[in-house]
Amino acid sequence: MSETTLDLKGLKCPLPVLKTRKALSRLAPGDRLIVLTTDPMAEIDIPHMCREDGHTLQGVEKAATGHRFLLVAGK
C-alpha cells in the first residue's frame, strides 16, 4: 500500500472533487490518499464522491485554513 498527498488548497468547487476522483482512479485498492483543501464545499463533496465511487473516507480534520481528508481507494 502506498500513501500520496494531494494539495488542492486554493481550488474552488468542483475542482477539488474532480482532481480527487482522478487521483483515486490511478491508485490500487487499499492505497491511501491525503487530500488538503481550502474550499468549504469539499467537506460535502468529497465524502459524497467516496460513497458514490466506493472509496473509504477514513477521517476528516478541520483546520483554520481548510480540511485534511484521509481516503482509502476502493475497488
PDB file of N, CA and C in Angstrom:
ATOM      1  N   MET A   1       0.841  -1.186   0.000  1.00  0.00           N
ATOM      2  CA  MET A   1       0.000   0.000   0.000  1.00  0.00           C
ATOM      3  C   MET A   1       0.882   1.245   0.000  1.00  0.00           C
ATOM      4  N   SER A   2       0.420   2.237  -0.715  1.00  0.00           N
ATOM      5  CA  SER A   2       1.154   3.494  -0.755  1.00  0.00           C
ATOM      6  C   SER A   2       0.297   4.607  -0.168  1.00  0.00           C
ATOM      7  N   GLU A   3       0.955   5.724   0.122  1.00  0.00           N
ATOM      8  CA  GLU A   3       0.238   6.900   0.617  1.00  0.00           C
ATOM      9  C   GLU A   3       0.696   8.101  -0.205  1.00  0.00           C
ATOM     10  N   THR A   4      -0.265   8.851  -0.711  1.00  0.00           N
ATOM     11  CA  THR A   4       0.002  10.007  -1.559  1.00  0.00           C
ATOM     12  C   THR A   4      -0.711  11.209  -0.965  1.00  0.00           C
ATOM     13  N   THR A   5      -0.087  12.378  -1.076  1.00  0.00           N
ATOM     14  CA  THR A   5      -0.729  13.616  -0.636  1.00  0.00           C
ATOM     15  C   THR A   5      -1.068  14.459  -1.854  1.00  0.00           C
ATOM     16  N   LEU A   6      -2.289  14.963  -1.861  1.00  0.00           N
ATOM     17  CA  LEU A   6      -2.789  15.792  -2.952  1.00  0.00           C
ATOM     18  C   LEU A   6      -3.134  17.163  -2.367  1.00  0.00           C
ATOM     19  N   ASP A   7      -2.345  18.183  -2.722  1.00  0.00           N
ATOM     20  CA  ASP A   7      -2.557  19.534  -2.203  1.00  0.00           C
ATOM     21  C   ASP A   7      -3.451  20.307  -3.166  1.00  0.00           C
ATOM     22  N   LEU A   8      -4.699  20.509  -2.769  1.00  0.00           N
ATOM     23  CA  LEU A   8      -5.674  21.207  -3.602  1.00  0.00           C
ATOM     24  C   LEU A   8      -6.086  22.543  -2.993  1.00  0.00           C
ATOM     25  N   LYS A   9      -5.249  23.062  -2.114  1.00  0.00           N
ATOM     26  CA  LYS A   9      -5.557  24.345  -1.469  1.00  0.00           C
ATOM     27  C   LYS A   9      -5.641  25.450  -2.517  1.00  0.00           C
ATOM     28  N   GLY A  10      -6.650  26.289  -2.386  1.00  0.00           N
ATOM     29  CA  GLY A  10      -6.847  27.404  -3.297  1.00  0.00           C
ATOM     30  C   GLY A  10      -7.788  27.098  -4.454  1.00  0.00           C
ATOM     31  N   LEU A  11      -8.110  25.830  -4.669  1.00  0.00           N
ATOM     32  CA  LEU A  11      -9.027  25.473  -5.756  1.00  0.00           C
ATOM     33  C   LEU A  11     -10.472  25.539  -5.260  1.00  0.00           C
ATOM     34  N   LYS A  12     -11.357  25.968  -6.126  1.00  0.00           N
ATOM     35  CA  LYS A  12     -12.780  26.088  -5.793  1.00  0.00           C
ATOM     36  C   LYS A  12     -13.586  24.978  -6.461  1.00  0.00           C
ATOM     37  N   CYS A  13     -14.751  24.714  -5.899  1.00  0.00           N
ATOM     38  CA  CYS A  13     -15.691  23.719  -6.396  1.00  0.00           C
ATOM     39  C   CYS A  13     -15.949  23.952  -7.880  1.00  0.00           C
ATOM     40  N   PRO A  14     -15.916  22.932  -8.686  1.00  0.00           N
ATOM     41  CA  PRO A  14     -15.858  21.499  -8.413  1.00  0.00           C
ATOM     42  C   PRO A  14     -14.451  20.885  -8.520  1.00  0.00           C
ATOM     43  N   LEU A  15     -13.419  21.711  -8.691  1.00  0.00           N
ATOM     44  CA  LEU A  15     -12.084  21.173  -8.944  1.00  0.00           C
ATOM     45  C   LEU A  15     -11.549  20.231  -7.859  1.00  0.00           C
ATOM     46  N   PRO A  16     -11.710  20.522  -6.552  1.00  0.00           N
ATOM     47  CA  PRO A  16     -11.163  19.577  -5.567  1.00  0.00           C
ATOM     48  C   PRO A  16     -11.724  18.157  -5.705  1.00  0.00           C
ATOM     49  N   VAL A  17     -13.013  18.015  -5.905  1.00  0.00           N
ATOM     50  CA  VAL A  17     -13.584  16.672  -6.008  1.00  0.00           C
ATOM     51  C   VAL A  17     -13.193  16.017  -7.336  1.00  0.00           C
ATOM     52  N   LEU A  18     -13.119  16.791  -8.402  1.00  0.00           N
ATOM     53  CA  LEU A  18     -12.733  16.210  -9.694  1.00  0.00           C
ATOM     54  C   LEU A  18     -11.286  15.728  -9.678  1.00  0.00           C
ATOM     55  N   LYS A  19     -10.403  16.515  -9.101  1.00  0.00           N
ATOM     56  CA  LYS A  19      -8.988  16.118  -9.026  1.00  0.00           C
ATOM     57  C   LYS A  19      -8.793  14.957  -8.051  1.00  0.00           C
ATOM     58  N   THR A  20      -9.590  14.919  -6.984  1.00  0.00           N
ATOM     59  CA  THR A  20      -9.523  13.797  -6.039  1.00  0.00           C
ATOM     60  C   THR A  20      -9.976  12.510  -6.723  1.00  0.00           C
ATOM     61  N   ARG A  21     -11.063  12.579  -7.458  1.00  0.00           N
ATOM     62  CA  ARG A  21     -11.569  11.400  -8.186  1.00  0.00           C
ATOM     63  C   ARG A  21     -10.514  10.882  -9.171  1.00  0.00           C
ATOM     64  N   LYS A  22      -9.882  11.785  -9.891  1.00  0.00           N
ATOM     65  CA  LYS A  22      -8.865  11.390 -10.867  1.00  0.00           C
ATOM     66  C   LYS A  22      -7.667  10.740 -10.167  1.00  0.00           C
ATOM     67  N   ALA A  23      -7.241  11.311  -9.055  1.00  0.00           N
ATOM     68  CA  ALA A  23      -6.113  10.748  -8.309  1.00  0.00           C
ATOM     69  C   ALA A  23      -6.452   9.360  -7.773  1.00  0.00           C
ATOM     70  N   LEU A  24      -7.656   9.176  -7.264  1.00  0.00           N
ATOM     71  CA  LEU A  24      -8.071   7.875  -6.737  1.00  0.00           C
ATOM     72  C   LEU A  24      -8.145   6.830  -7.842  1.00  0.00           C
ATOM     73  N   SER A  25      -8.495   7.239  -9.046  1.00  0.00           N
ATOM     74  CA  SER A  25      -8.608   6.284 -10.155  1.00  0.00           C
ATOM     75  C   SER A  25      -7.249   5.700 -10.538  1.00  0.00           C
ATOM     76  N   ARG A  26      -6.179   6.396 -10.186  1.00  0.00           N
ATOM     77  CA  ARG A  26      -4.829   5.916 -10.503  1.00  0.00           C
ATOM     78  C   ARG A  26      -4.224   5.060  -9.395  1.00  0.00           C
ATOM     79  N   LEU A  27      -4.918   4.944  -8.261  1.00  0.00           N
ATOM     80  CA  LEU A  27      -4.386   4.193  -7.131  1.00  0.00           C
ATOM     81  C   LEU A  27      -4.917   2.759  -7.126  1.00  0.00           C
ATOM     82  N   ALA A  28      -4.155   1.889  -6.512  1.00  0.00           N
ATOM     83  CA  ALA A  28      -4.588   0.497  -6.328  1.00  0.00           C
ATOM     84  C   ALA A  28      -5.527   0.439  -5.121  1.00  0.00           C
ATOM     85  N   PRO A  29      -6.442  -0.541  -5.104  1.00  0.00           N
ATOM     86  CA  PRO A  29      -7.310  -0.687  -3.939  1.00  0.00           C
ATOM     87  C   PRO A  29      -6.484  -0.813  -2.659  1.00  0.00           C
ATOM     88  N   GLY A  30      -6.890  -0.047  -1.655  1.00  0.00           N
ATOM     89  CA  GLY A  30      -6.196  -0.070  -0.372  1.00  0.00           C
ATOM     90  C   GLY A  30      -5.155   1.030  -0.224  1.00  0.00           C
ATOM     91  N   ASP A  31      -4.752   1.660  -1.324  1.00  0.00           N
ATOM     92  CA  ASP A  31      -3.813   2.784  -1.236  1.00  0.00           C
ATOM     93  C   ASP A  31      -4.496   3.954  -0.551  1.00  0.00           C
ATOM     94  N   ARG A  32      -3.696   4.753   0.148  1.00  0.00           N
ATOM     95  CA  ARG A  32      -4.234   5.888   0.892  1.00  0.00           C
ATOM     96  C   ARG A  32      -3.931   7.188   0.164  1.00  0.00           C
ATOM     97  N   LEU A  33      -4.884   8.115   0.245  1.00  0.00           N
ATOM     98  CA  LEU A  33      -4.739   9.430  -0.352  1.00  0.00           C
ATOM     99  C   LEU A  33      -5.092  10.475   0.696  1.00  0.00           C
ATOM    100  N   ILE A  34      -4.169  11.389   0.935  1.00  0.00           N
ATOM    101  CA  ILE A  34      -4.424  12.525   1.822  1.00  0.00           C
ATOM    102  C   ILE A  34      -4.719  13.720   0.929  1.00  0.00           C
ATOM    103  N   VAL A  35      -5.861  14.363   1.155  1.00  0.00           N
ATOM    104  CA  VAL A  35      -6.283  15.491   0.335  1.00  0.00           C
ATOM    105  C   VAL A  35      -6.381  16.735   1.225  1.00  0.00           C
ATOM    106  N   LEU A  36      -5.684  17.790   0.814  1.00  0.00           N
ATOM    107  CA  LEU A  36      -5.699  19.060   1.539  1.00  0.00           C
ATOM    108  C   LEU A  36      -6.493  20.070   0.726  1.00  0.00           C
ATOM    109  N   THR A  37      -7.507  20.690   1.348  1.00  0.00           N
ATOM    110  CA  THR A  37      -8.371  21.633   0.632  1.00  0.00           C
ATOM    111  C   THR A  37      -8.623  22.884   1.464  1.00  0.00           C
ATOM    112  N   THR A  38      -9.002  23.947   0.776  1.00  0.00           N
ATOM    113  CA  THR A  38      -9.464  25.163   1.447  1.00  0.00           C
ATOM    114  C   THR A  38     -10.909  25.494   1.073  1.00  0.00           C
ATOM    115  N   ASP A  39     -11.449  24.808   0.089  1.00  0.00           N
ATOM    116  CA  ASP A  39     -12.818  25.060  -0.374  1.00  0.00           C
ATOM    117  C   ASP A  39     -13.815  24.492   0.637  1.00  0.00           C
ATOM    118  N   PRO A  40     -14.701  25.320   1.205  1.00  0.00           N
ATOM    119  CA  PRO A  40     -15.653  24.821   2.195  1.00  0.00           C
ATOM    120  C   PRO A  40     -16.594  23.744   1.648  1.00  0.00           C
ATOM    121  N   MET A  41     -16.871  23.759   0.350  1.00  0.00           N
ATOM    122  CA  MET A  41     -17.765  22.753  -0.239  1.00  0.00           C
ATOM    123  C   MET A  41     -17.136  21.361  -0.276  1.00  0.00           C
ATOM    124  N   ALA A  42     -15.818  21.282  -0.174  1.00  0.00           N
ATOM    125  CA  ALA A  42     -15.146  19.981  -0.193  1.00  0.00           C
ATOM    126  C   ALA A  42     -15.606  19.104   0.974  1.00  0.00           C
ATOM    127  N   GLU A  43     -15.992  19.721   2.073  1.00  0.00           N
ATOM    128  CA  GLU A  43     -16.467  18.974   3.246  1.00  0.00           C
ATOM    129  C   GLU A  43     -17.731  18.176   2.912  1.00  0.00           C
ATOM    130  N   ILE A  44     -18.493  18.621   1.935  1.00  0.00           N
ATOM    131  CA  ILE A  44     -19.695  17.922   1.482  1.00  0.00           C
ATOM    132  C   ILE A  44     -19.373  17.040   0.273  1.00  0.00           C
ATOM    133  N   ASP A  45     -18.642  17.618  -0.677  1.00  0.00           N
ATOM    134  CA  ASP A  45     -18.420  16.959  -1.968  1.00  0.00           C
ATOM    135  C   ASP A  45     -17.537  15.714  -1.892  1.00  0.00           C
ATOM    136  N   ILE A  46     -16.453  15.760  -1.145  1.00  0.00           N
ATOM    137  CA  ILE A  46     -15.526  14.623  -1.118  1.00  0.00           C
ATOM    138  C   ILE A  46     -16.149  13.407  -0.422  1.00  0.00           C
ATOM    139  N   PRO A  47     -16.794  13.548   0.740  1.00  0.00           N
ATOM    140  CA  PRO A  47     -17.468  12.371   1.312  1.00  0.00           C
ATOM    141  C   PRO A  47     -18.541  11.793   0.390  1.00  0.00           C
ATOM    142  N   HIS A  48     -19.283  12.661  -0.292  1.00  0.00           N
ATOM    143  CA  HIS A  48     -20.322  12.198  -1.219  1.00  0.00           C
ATOM    144  C   HIS A  48     -19.699  11.418  -2.378  1.00  0.00           C
ATOM    145  N   MET A  49     -18.601  11.917  -2.929  1.00  0.00           N
ATOM    146  CA  MET A  49     -17.914  11.234  -4.022  1.00  0.00           C
ATOM    147  C   MET A  49     -17.406   9.865  -3.559  1.00  0.00           C
ATOM    148  N   CYS A  50     -16.893   9.783  -2.337  1.00  0.00           N
ATOM    149  CA  CYS A  50     -16.412   8.498  -1.808  1.00  0.00           C
ATOM    150  C   CYS A  50     -17.550   7.481  -1.744  1.00  0.00           C
ATOM    151  N   ARG A  51     -18.703   7.902  -1.260  1.00  0.00           N
ATOM    152  CA  ARG A  51     -19.859   6.992  -1.187  1.00  0.00           C
ATOM    153  C   ARG A  51     -20.283   6.537  -2.578  1.00  0.00           C
ATOM    154  N   GLU A  52     -20.324   7.454  -3.521  1.00  0.00           N
ATOM    155  CA  GLU A  52     -20.742   7.120  -4.886  1.00  0.00           C
ATOM    156  C   GLU A  52     -19.764   6.180  -5.583  1.00  0.00           C
ATOM    157  N   ASP A  53     -18.459   6.392  -5.364  1.00  0.00           N
ATOM    158  CA  ASP A  53     -17.435   5.676  -6.125  1.00  0.00           C
ATOM    159  C   ASP A  53     -16.857   4.463  -5.403  1.00  0.00           C
ATOM    160  N   GLY A  54     -17.282   4.211  -4.164  1.00  0.00           N
ATOM    161  CA  GLY A  54     -16.819   3.025  -3.449  1.00  0.00           C
ATOM    162  C   GLY A  54     -15.484   3.171  -2.746  1.00  0.00           C
ATOM    163  N   HIS A  55     -15.093   4.399  -2.420  1.00  0.00           N
ATOM    164  CA  HIS A  55     -13.869   4.635  -1.668  1.00  0.00           C
ATOM    165  C   HIS A  55     -14.227   4.821  -0.193  1.00  0.00           C
ATOM    166  N   THR A  56     -13.237   4.712   0.680  1.00  0.00           N
ATOM    167  CA  THR A  56     -13.470   4.851   2.112  1.00  0.00           C
ATOM    168  C   THR A  56     -12.909   6.170   2.611  1.00  0.00           C
ATOM    169  N   LEU A  57     -13.745   6.922   3.297  1.00  0.00           N
ATOM    170  CA  LEU A  57     -13.304   8.141   3.966  1.00  0.00           C
ATOM    171  C   LEU A  57     -12.930   7.748   5.387  1.00  0.00           C
ATOM    172  N   GLN A  58     -11.639   7.695   5.670  1.00  0.00           N
ATOM    173  CA  GLN A  58     -11.201   7.254   7.000  1.00  0.00           C
ATOM    174  C   GLN A  58     -11.185   8.366   8.018  1.00  0.00           C
ATOM    175  N   GLY A  59     -11.074   9.597   7.550  1.00  0.00           N
ATOM    176  CA  GLY A  59     -11.060  10.678   8.515  1.00  0.00           C
ATOM    177  C   GLY A  59     -11.047  12.040   7.852  1.00  0.00           C
ATOM    178  N   VAL A  60     -11.532  13.023   8.617  1.00  0.00           N
ATOM    179  CA  VAL A  60     -11.524  14.418   8.173  1.00  0.00           C
ATOM    180  C   VAL A  60     -11.039  15.245   9.348  1.00  0.00           C
ATOM    181  N   GLU A  61     -10.059  16.081   9.104  1.00  0.00           N
ATOM    182  CA  GLU A  61      -9.588  17.020  10.120  1.00  0.00           C
ATOM    183  C   GLU A  61      -9.869  18.424   9.631  1.00  0.00           C
ATOM    184  N   LYS A  62     -10.501  19.207  10.485  1.00  0.00           N
ATOM    185  CA  LYS A  62     -10.779  20.597  10.149  1.00  0.00           C
ATOM    186  C   LYS A  62      -9.634  21.449  10.689  1.00  0.00           C
ATOM    187  N   ALA A  63      -9.138  22.349   9.862  1.00  0.00           N
ATOM    188  CA  ALA A  63      -8.077  23.261  10.273  1.00  0.00           C
ATOM    189  C   ALA A  63      -8.558  24.684  10.048  1.00  0.00           C
ATOM    190  N   ALA A  64      -7.802  25.637  10.535  1.00  0.00           N
ATOM    191  CA  ALA A  64      -8.181  27.041  10.370  1.00  0.00           C
ATOM    192  C   ALA A  64      -8.245  27.427   8.894  1.00  0.00           C
ATOM    193  N   THR A  65      -7.431  26.779   8.076  1.00  0.00           N
ATOM    194  CA  THR A  65      -7.367  27.148   6.656  1.00  0.00           C
ATOM    195  C   THR A  65      -8.125  26.197   5.739  1.00  0.00           C
ATOM    196  N   GLY A  66      -8.694  25.115   6.261  1.00  0.00           N
ATOM    197  CA  GLY A  66      -9.418  24.188   5.392  1.00  0.00           C
ATOM    198  C   GLY A  66      -9.605  22.820   6.006  1.00  0.00           C
ATOM    199  N   HIS A  67      -9.427  21.779   5.183  1.00  0.00           N
ATOM    200  CA  HIS A  67      -9.662  20.401   5.618  1.00  0.00           C
ATOM    201  C   HIS A  67      -8.532  19.492   5.167  1.00  0.00           C
ATOM    202  N   ARG A  68      -8.377  18.400   5.907  1.00  0.00           N
ATOM    203  CA  ARG A  68      -7.446  17.331   5.547  1.00  0.00           C
ATOM    204  C   ARG A  68      -8.262  16.041   5.557  1.00  0.00           C
ATOM    205  N   PHE A  69      -8.400  15.427   4.384  1.00  0.00           N
ATOM    206  CA  PHE A  69      -9.171  14.201   4.229  1.00  0.00           C
ATOM    207  C   PHE A  69      -8.211  13.021   4.109  1.00  0.00           C
ATOM    208  N   LEU A  70      -8.529  11.930   4.773  1.00  0.00           N
ATOM    209  CA  LEU A  70      -7.770  10.683   4.603  1.00  0.00           C
ATOM    210  C   LEU A  70      -8.696   9.687   3.935  1.00  0.00           C
ATOM    211  N   LEU A  71      -8.341   9.304   2.692  1.00  0.00           N
ATOM    212  CA  LEU A  71      -9.168   8.416   1.885  1.00  0.00           C
ATOM    213  C   LEU A  71      -8.418   7.128   1.591  1.00  0.00           C
ATOM    214  N   VAL A  72      -9.168   6.042   1.436  1.00  0.00           N
ATOM    215  CA  VAL A  72      -8.602   4.772   1.025  1.00  0.00           C
ATOM    216  C   VAL A  72      -9.295   4.374  -0.274  1.00  0.00           C
ATOM    217  N   ALA A  73      -8.486   4.110  -1.293  1.00  0.00           N
ATOM    218  CA  ALA A  73      -9.028   3.753  -2.600  1.00  0.00           C
ATOM    219  C   ALA A  73      -9.768   2.421  -2.526  1.00  0.00           C
ATOM    220  N   GLY A  74     -10.923   2.368  -3.152  1.00  0.00           N
ATOM    221  CA  GLY A  74     -11.712   1.147  -3.199  1.00  0.00           C
ATOM    222  C   GLY A  74     -11.596   0.467  -4.544  1.00  0.00           C
ATOM    223  N   LYS A  75     -12.360  -0.623  -4.686  1.00  0.00           N
ATOM    224  CA  LYS A  75     -12.459  -1.389  -5.913  1.00  0.00           C
ATOM    225  C   LYS A  75     -11.109  -1.892  -6.304  1.00  0.00           C
TER     226      LYS A  75
END
